[in-house]
Amino acid sequence: MTFRNLVFGNPGGSTPGADFGLLILRWVAGLSLAFAHGMAKLPPSAGFMSGVRHMGFPLPEVFAWAATFSEFLGGVLVALGLLTRPAALF
């Protein structure tokens, strides 16, 4: 498997029904992540930053914002199908 196929996917020979099912799954998973987890943290609250600080992360404000953006923007990217694998990684 090449790096390009790993990151951007592989053009497959799936059926239209399978493609539609995966589309619905991608929408549900991505939008759930974006709006149930990411949107609730926008902007990161003092309590969330305090929790990040207590976990021992250096620069808790930066890591709190990074977590918020990775959940919100990553979920939106997954739902749209743009850079799905890197977005899901974050």
Protein backbone atom coordinates (compact mmCIF):
# COMPACT_ATOMS: atom_id res chain seq x y z
CA MET A 1 0.00 0.00 0.00
CA THR A 2 1.43 3.34 -0.99
CA PHE A 3 1.42 6.44 1.15
CA ARG A 4 -0.92 8.17 -1.30
CA ASN A 5 -3.50 5.36 -1.08
CA LEU A 6 -3.25 5.35 2.71
CA VAL A 7 -3.88 9.09 2.99
CA PHE A 8 -6.34 9.71 0.15
CA GLY A 9 -8.00 6.33 -0.23
CA ASN A 10 -8.06 3.85 -3.03
CA PRO A 11 -10.47 3.98 -5.97
CA GLY A 12 -12.41 0.80 -5.47
CA GLY A 13 -15.02 -1.15 -7.32
CA SER A 14 -17.79 -0.97 -4.72
CA THR A 15 -21.48 -1.03 -5.50
CA PRO A 16 -23.69 2.10 -5.45
CA GLY A 17 -25.52 0.71 -2.41
CA ALA A 18 -22.27 0.27 -0.51
CA ASP A 19 -21.14 3.75 -1.51
CA PHE A 20 -24.43 5.24 -0.27
CA GLY A 21 -24.18 3.36 3.03
CA LEU A 22 -20.65 4.60 3.56
CA LEU A 23 -21.76 8.14 2.73
CA ILE A 24 -24.47 8.00 5.41
CA LEU A 25 -22.01 6.49 7.91
CA ARG A 26 -19.47 9.23 7.12
CA TRP A 27 -22.09 11.97 7.56
CA VAL A 28 -23.37 10.59 10.86
CA ALA A 29 -19.92 9.96 12.34
CA GLY A 30 -18.42 13.24 11.15
CA LEU A 31 -21.30 15.52 12.09
CA SER A 32 -21.76 13.77 15.45
CA LEU A 33 -18.11 14.34 16.25
CA ALA A 34 -18.20 17.94 15.06
CA PHE A 35 -21.39 19.06 16.76
CA ALA A 36 -21.66 16.78 19.81
CA HIS A 37 -18.02 17.05 20.86
CA GLY A 38 -16.28 19.89 19.04
CA MET A 39 -19.04 22.51 19.09
CA ALA A 40 -19.54 21.99 22.83
CA LYS A 41 -15.91 22.98 23.39
CA LEU A 42 -15.93 26.13 21.24
CA PRO A 43 -14.38 28.21 22.74
CA PRO A 44 -12.58 26.02 25.31
CA SER A 45 -13.88 26.79 28.77
CA ALA A 46 -11.71 27.44 31.80
CA GLY A 47 -12.79 24.07 33.19
CA PHE A 48 -11.68 22.25 30.05
CA MET A 49 -8.33 24.07 30.08
CA SER A 50 -7.96 23.21 33.75
CA GLY A 51 -8.60 19.55 32.97
CA VAL A 52 -5.97 19.64 30.24
CA ARG A 53 -3.57 21.28 32.70
CA HIS A 54 -4.25 18.57 35.30
CA MET A 55 -3.47 15.88 32.71
CA GLY A 56 0.05 17.31 32.61
CA PHE A 57 0.11 18.83 29.13
CA PRO A 58 2.50 21.74 28.66
CA LEU A 59 0.77 24.86 27.31
CA PRO A 60 -2.73 23.70 28.26
CA GLU A 61 -4.39 26.57 26.38
CA VAL A 62 -2.76 25.50 23.12
CA PHE A 63 -3.65 21.84 23.63
CA ALA A 64 -7.24 22.72 24.58
CA TRP A 65 -7.65 24.71 21.36
CA ALA A 66 -5.97 21.92 19.37
CA ALA A 67 -8.39 19.35 20.80
CA THR A 68 -11.35 21.59 20.06
CA PHE A 69 -10.31 22.26 16.47
CA SER A 70 -9.38 18.66 15.79
CA GLU A 71 -12.81 17.49 16.97
CA PHE A 72 -14.83 20.19 15.23
CA LEU A 73 -12.89 20.68 12.00
CA GLY A 74 -11.91 17.03 11.82
CA GLY A 75 -15.55 16.00 12.12
CA VAL A 76 -16.60 18.44 9.41
CA LEU A 77 -13.80 17.20 7.12
CA VAL A 78 -14.83 13.59 7.71
CA ALA A 79 -18.47 14.44 6.94
CA LEU A 80 -17.47 16.23 3.73
CA GLY A 81 -15.05 13.49 2.73
CA LEU A 82 -12.11 15.88 2.49
CA LEU A 83 -8.81 14.49 3.74
CA THR A 84 -10.84 11.92 5.66
CA ARG A 85 -7.99 9.76 6.85
CA PRO A 86 -5.76 12.57 8.19
CA ALA A 87 -8.82 14.24 9.78
CA ALA A 88 -9.79 10.98 11.47
CA LEU A 89 -6.21 10.54 12.68
CA PHE A 90 -6.31 13.86 14.52
